[in-house]
Every structure is written in C-alpha cells, then in structure tokens.
C-alpha cells in the first residue's frame, strides 16, 4: 500500500501529536506547577525567608490536598525530641510484660515506622482527646498481651546537645530521658 504525500501530512509525526494542542498545554502547566510545588515544600522549612513562605503559600492547598508536603518539618533542619511510650501489662495469672513503643527490633521496618509515628503523635493531640488516645493504646496492648491492667508512661528522649556529643555522652544516657505517667487502665471484661 502506497502512502501519498497528502496521507503523510495527516498522520501524526510523534505520539503526542495525536493529542490536541490545548490538552498538552494544560498537562504541561500542571506538571510545571506540580514540580515547582514539590521543590518549594522543603524550602519553606524554617529558617527560611518570607519570600519562600510567600511562594510556598501558592502551592500549600495543592500539596496538602494530595499530601505531598509531609515529613519535611519532622526531619529538618532541627528534629525535636523523640516520644516513646513505655508500658507494663499485668495479666490475670499475675505475670507482667514490660515494653516500649516503638520497639527497635520490630520487623518489618514499615511496622516500626507506623508505631514510631503513633507515639510521636502523642505530642500533637489536643488535650481534650488525650485521655481517649491513651485508653486506645491501653486497649490494644491489653488485647495483644491478654492483660487485665495496663500502665502507660510517656517517655521523652531529648535530642543531645553539641556539648554532650563532644563530651562522648552516649545517646541512650539516662539523663536524656524524662518519664511522665499517663495512667493505669483496666481492661473491660465484656
């Protein structure tokens, strides 16, 4: 079958030529907006300029809608104290189990990360929800370890100062922890 010069003019030269020009332009504009927004998200982490805050405000609704701005404040430039939850579960037979969340030995690592984020969220929950939040932790631990009573403790692990690091103080030194009792919770016997 021979292709005449008139037929060759009608056939697209490139795959994208099959798409009309206006949708291609919209896609290009969206891709540029998306990429600039992704770049702007970490650049707004303090310390930053008011110019960067202004630029990022243009992208904030888009980034928040699609959850593309997560994590930057958590890791940089100055991460905060770690939040851990120590627990003791008493069983019906009188034995008890002690542990800490998140447990570094937990596997797969994604599960560790999930526990880590759950304990970190204790620092950000509103006061009116804190008791319900603590009770939910206790309920899960009682169910997991078949316990009747659960004692929870909030443990803050402070970020070491530069002097502590220079002095060779280990990261797990007892002075770098602060414990606050969250409460004792009895398991419902329904």
Protein backbone atom coordinates (compact mmCIF):
# COMPACT_ATOMS: atom_id res chain seq x y z
CA UNK A 1 0.00 0.00 0.00
CA UNK A 2 1.47 3.31 -1.06
CA UNK A 3 1.14 6.38 1.11
CA UNK A 4 0.55 9.53 -0.84
CA UNK A 5 2.07 12.83 0.30
CA UNK A 6 -1.41 14.01 1.31
CA UNK A 7 -1.85 10.98 3.64
CA UNK A 8 1.58 11.56 5.19
CA UNK A 9 0.55 15.10 6.16
CA UNK A 10 -2.48 13.76 8.02
CA UNK A 11 -0.60 11.14 10.05
CA UNK A 12 0.95 12.24 13.34
CA UNK A 13 4.74 12.52 13.30
CA UNK A 14 5.11 11.91 17.04
CA UNK A 15 2.85 10.06 19.53
CA UNK A 16 1.99 13.29 21.35
CA UNK A 17 0.81 14.85 18.09
CA UNK A 18 -2.26 12.66 18.39
CA UNK A 19 -3.33 14.77 21.41
CA UNK A 20 -4.75 18.19 20.59
CA UNK A 21 -2.60 21.15 21.49
CA UNK A 22 -4.75 22.64 24.31
CA UNK A 23 -4.75 19.45 26.48
CA UNK A 24 -0.98 19.18 26.04
CA UNK A 25 -0.60 22.75 27.23
CA UNK A 26 -2.79 22.07 30.28
CA UNK A 27 -0.76 18.97 31.13
CA UNK A 28 2.48 20.93 30.74
CA UNK A 29 1.21 23.73 33.02
CA UNK A 30 0.07 21.19 35.63
CA UNK A 31 3.42 19.35 35.51
CA UNK A 32 5.32 22.61 35.98
CA UNK A 33 3.08 23.63 38.89
CA UNK A 34 3.48 20.15 40.45
CA UNK A 35 7.28 20.07 40.15
CA UNK A 36 7.72 23.63 41.45
CA UNK A 37 5.38 22.80 44.35
CA UNK A 38 7.37 19.67 45.23
CA UNK A 39 10.57 21.72 45.20
CA UNK A 40 9.01 24.56 47.25
CA UNK A 41 7.70 22.26 50.02
CA UNK A 42 11.05 21.53 51.73
CA UNK A 43 12.36 25.03 51.07
CA UNK A 44 9.78 26.54 53.42
CA UNK A 45 11.14 24.68 56.46
CA UNK A 46 12.47 27.25 58.95
CA UNK A 47 14.81 29.02 58.95
CA UNK A 48 13.59 30.46 55.67
CA UNK A 49 12.83 33.79 54.09
CA UNK A 50 9.48 35.50 53.86
CA UNK A 51 9.81 35.26 50.07
CA UNK A 52 9.91 31.44 50.27
CA UNK A 53 6.92 31.42 52.63
CA UNK A 54 5.00 33.59 50.16
CA UNK A 55 5.94 31.37 47.22
CA UNK A 56 5.03 28.22 49.09
CA UNK A 57 1.64 29.61 50.10
CA UNK A 58 0.64 29.43 46.42
CA UNK A 59 1.28 25.67 46.46
CA UNK A 60 0.13 24.83 50.01
CA UNK A 61 -3.52 23.94 49.19
CA UNK A 62 -2.43 21.67 46.34
CA UNK A 63 0.32 19.99 48.38
CA UNK A 64 -1.97 19.47 51.39
CA UNK A 65 -4.81 18.11 49.27
CA UNK A 66 -2.59 15.42 47.78
CA UNK A 67 -0.46 15.02 50.95
CA UNK A 68 2.77 15.92 49.18
CA UNK A 69 4.27 18.12 51.90
CA UNK A 70 4.64 15.51 54.64
CA UNK A 71 7.76 14.85 56.64
CA UNK A 72 9.89 17.87 55.90
CA UNK A 73 9.36 19.58 59.24
CA UNK A 74 9.91 16.35 61.11
CA UNK A 75 13.45 15.65 59.93
CA UNK A 76 14.95 19.04 59.15
CA UNK A 77 16.58 21.29 59.94
CA UNK A 78 16.35 20.60 63.69
CA UNK A 79 14.44 17.46 64.68
CA UNK A 80 12.77 17.58 68.05
CA UNK A 81 12.69 15.23 70.99
CA UNK A 82 11.55 11.65 70.45
CA UNK A 83 8.32 10.49 72.02
CA UNK A 84 8.19 6.94 73.34
CA UNK A 85 5.53 5.05 75.25
CA UNK A 86 6.67 2.64 77.96
CA UNK A 87 4.09 0.11 79.08
CA UNK A 88 3.56 -2.62 81.64
CA UNK A 89 0.75 -5.10 81.03
CA UNK A 90 -0.43 -7.16 84.02
CA UNK A 91 -2.06 -10.48 83.20
CA UNK A 92 -4.70 -12.44 85.10
CA UNK A 93 -2.10 -15.02 86.21
CA UNK A 94 -0.03 -12.30 87.92
CA UNK A 95 2.73 -12.12 85.32
CA UNK A 96 3.55 -8.85 83.64
CA UNK A 97 5.06 -7.79 80.36
CA UNK A 98 7.12 -4.63 80.02
CA UNK A 99 7.97 -2.94 76.78
CA UNK A 100 8.46 0.29 74.92
CA UNK A 101 6.90 1.58 71.75
CA UNK A 102 8.30 1.76 69.21
CA UNK A 103 10.41 -1.34 69.67
CA UNK A 104 13.59 -1.09 67.59
CA UNK A 105 13.58 -4.84 66.95
CA UNK A 106 10.15 -4.83 65.30
CA UNK A 107 10.05 -6.15 61.75
CA UNK A 108 9.15 -5.31 59.02
CA UNK A 109 10.65 -1.86 59.29
CA UNK A 110 7.47 -0.27 57.96
CA UNK A 111 5.63 -1.55 61.05
CA UNK A 112 8.30 0.06 63.25
CA UNK A 113 7.76 3.31 61.38
CA UNK A 114 3.99 3.05 61.94
CA UNK A 115 4.50 2.57 65.70
CA UNK A 116 7.01 5.41 65.70
CA UNK A 117 4.53 7.79 64.10
CA UNK A 118 1.78 6.71 66.52
CA UNK A 119 3.92 7.53 69.54
CA UNK A 120 5.14 10.79 68.00
CA UNK A 121 1.53 11.87 67.54
CA UNK A 122 1.12 11.97 71.33
CA UNK A 123 2.94 15.30 71.31
CA UNK A 124 0.42 16.87 68.95
CA UNK A 125 -3.01 15.65 70.01
CA UNK A 126 -5.39 18.16 71.56
CA UNK A 127 -5.77 17.97 75.35
CA UNK A 128 -9.45 17.04 75.11
CA UNK A 129 -8.56 13.93 73.09
CA UNK A 130 -5.50 12.80 75.06
CA UNK A 131 -7.34 10.56 77.53
CA UNK A 132 -9.24 8.73 74.77
CA UNK A 133 -5.98 8.37 72.85
CA UNK A 134 -4.22 6.84 75.88
CA UNK A 135 -7.13 4.49 76.51
CA UNK A 136 -6.98 3.27 72.91
CA UNK A 137 -3.27 2.44 73.31
CA UNK A 138 -4.01 0.60 76.57
CA UNK A 139 -6.91 -1.31 74.98
CA UNK A 140 -4.71 -2.51 72.10
CA UNK A 141 -1.88 -3.55 74.43
CA UNK A 142 -4.30 -5.39 76.76
CA UNK A 143 -5.76 -7.24 73.79
CA UNK A 144 -2.34 -8.09 72.33
CA UNK A 145 -0.85 -9.41 75.58
CA UNK A 146 -4.09 -10.72 77.12
CA UNK A 147 -3.74 -8.31 80.01
CA UNK A 148 -6.17 -7.05 82.61
CA UNK A 149 -4.37 -3.83 83.55
CA UNK A 150 -2.08 -1.58 81.51
CA UNK A 151 0.20 1.13 82.88
CA UNK A 152 1.37 3.71 80.32
CA UNK A 153 4.25 6.15 80.63
CA UNK A 154 5.15 8.93 78.22
CA UNK A 155 8.93 8.98 77.73
CA UNK A 156 10.63 11.96 76.09
CA UNK A 157 14.08 11.29 74.71
CA UNK A 158 15.86 14.60 74.40
CA UNK A 159 17.99 15.45 71.41
CA UNK A 160 21.65 15.61 72.57
CA UNK A 161 23.31 18.99 72.67
CA UNK A 162 26.53 19.55 70.72
CA UNK A 163 28.45 19.63 74.03
CA UNK A 164 27.04 16.22 75.02
CA UNK A 165 28.17 14.79 71.69
CA UNK A 166 31.63 16.34 72.02
CA UNK A 167 31.92 15.02 75.59
CA UNK A 168 31.16 11.50 74.35
CA UNK A 169 27.87 11.12 76.25
CA UNK A 170 26.05 8.13 74.75
CA UNK A 171 22.70 8.77 73.08
CA UNK A 172 20.92 6.44 75.50
CA UNK A 173 22.30 8.08 78.66
CA UNK A 174 19.64 8.06 81.43
CA UNK A 175 19.80 11.86 81.80
CA UNK A 176 18.49 12.26 78.25
CA UNK A 177 15.08 10.76 79.17
CA UNK A 178 12.10 12.22 81.01
CA UNK A 179 9.19 9.98 82.04
CA UNK A 180 5.63 11.11 82.80
CA UNK A 181 2.91 8.68 83.89
CA UNK A 182 -0.09 8.66 81.56
CA UNK A 183 -2.28 6.42 83.68
CA UNK A 184 -3.38 2.92 84.58
CA UNK A 185 -6.17 1.38 82.52
CA UNK A 186 -8.27 -1.66 83.40
CA UNK A 187 -9.48 -3.91 80.62
CA UNK A 188 -13.22 -4.14 80.13
CA UNK A 189 -14.42 -7.66 80.89
CA UNK A 190 -17.26 -7.69 78.36
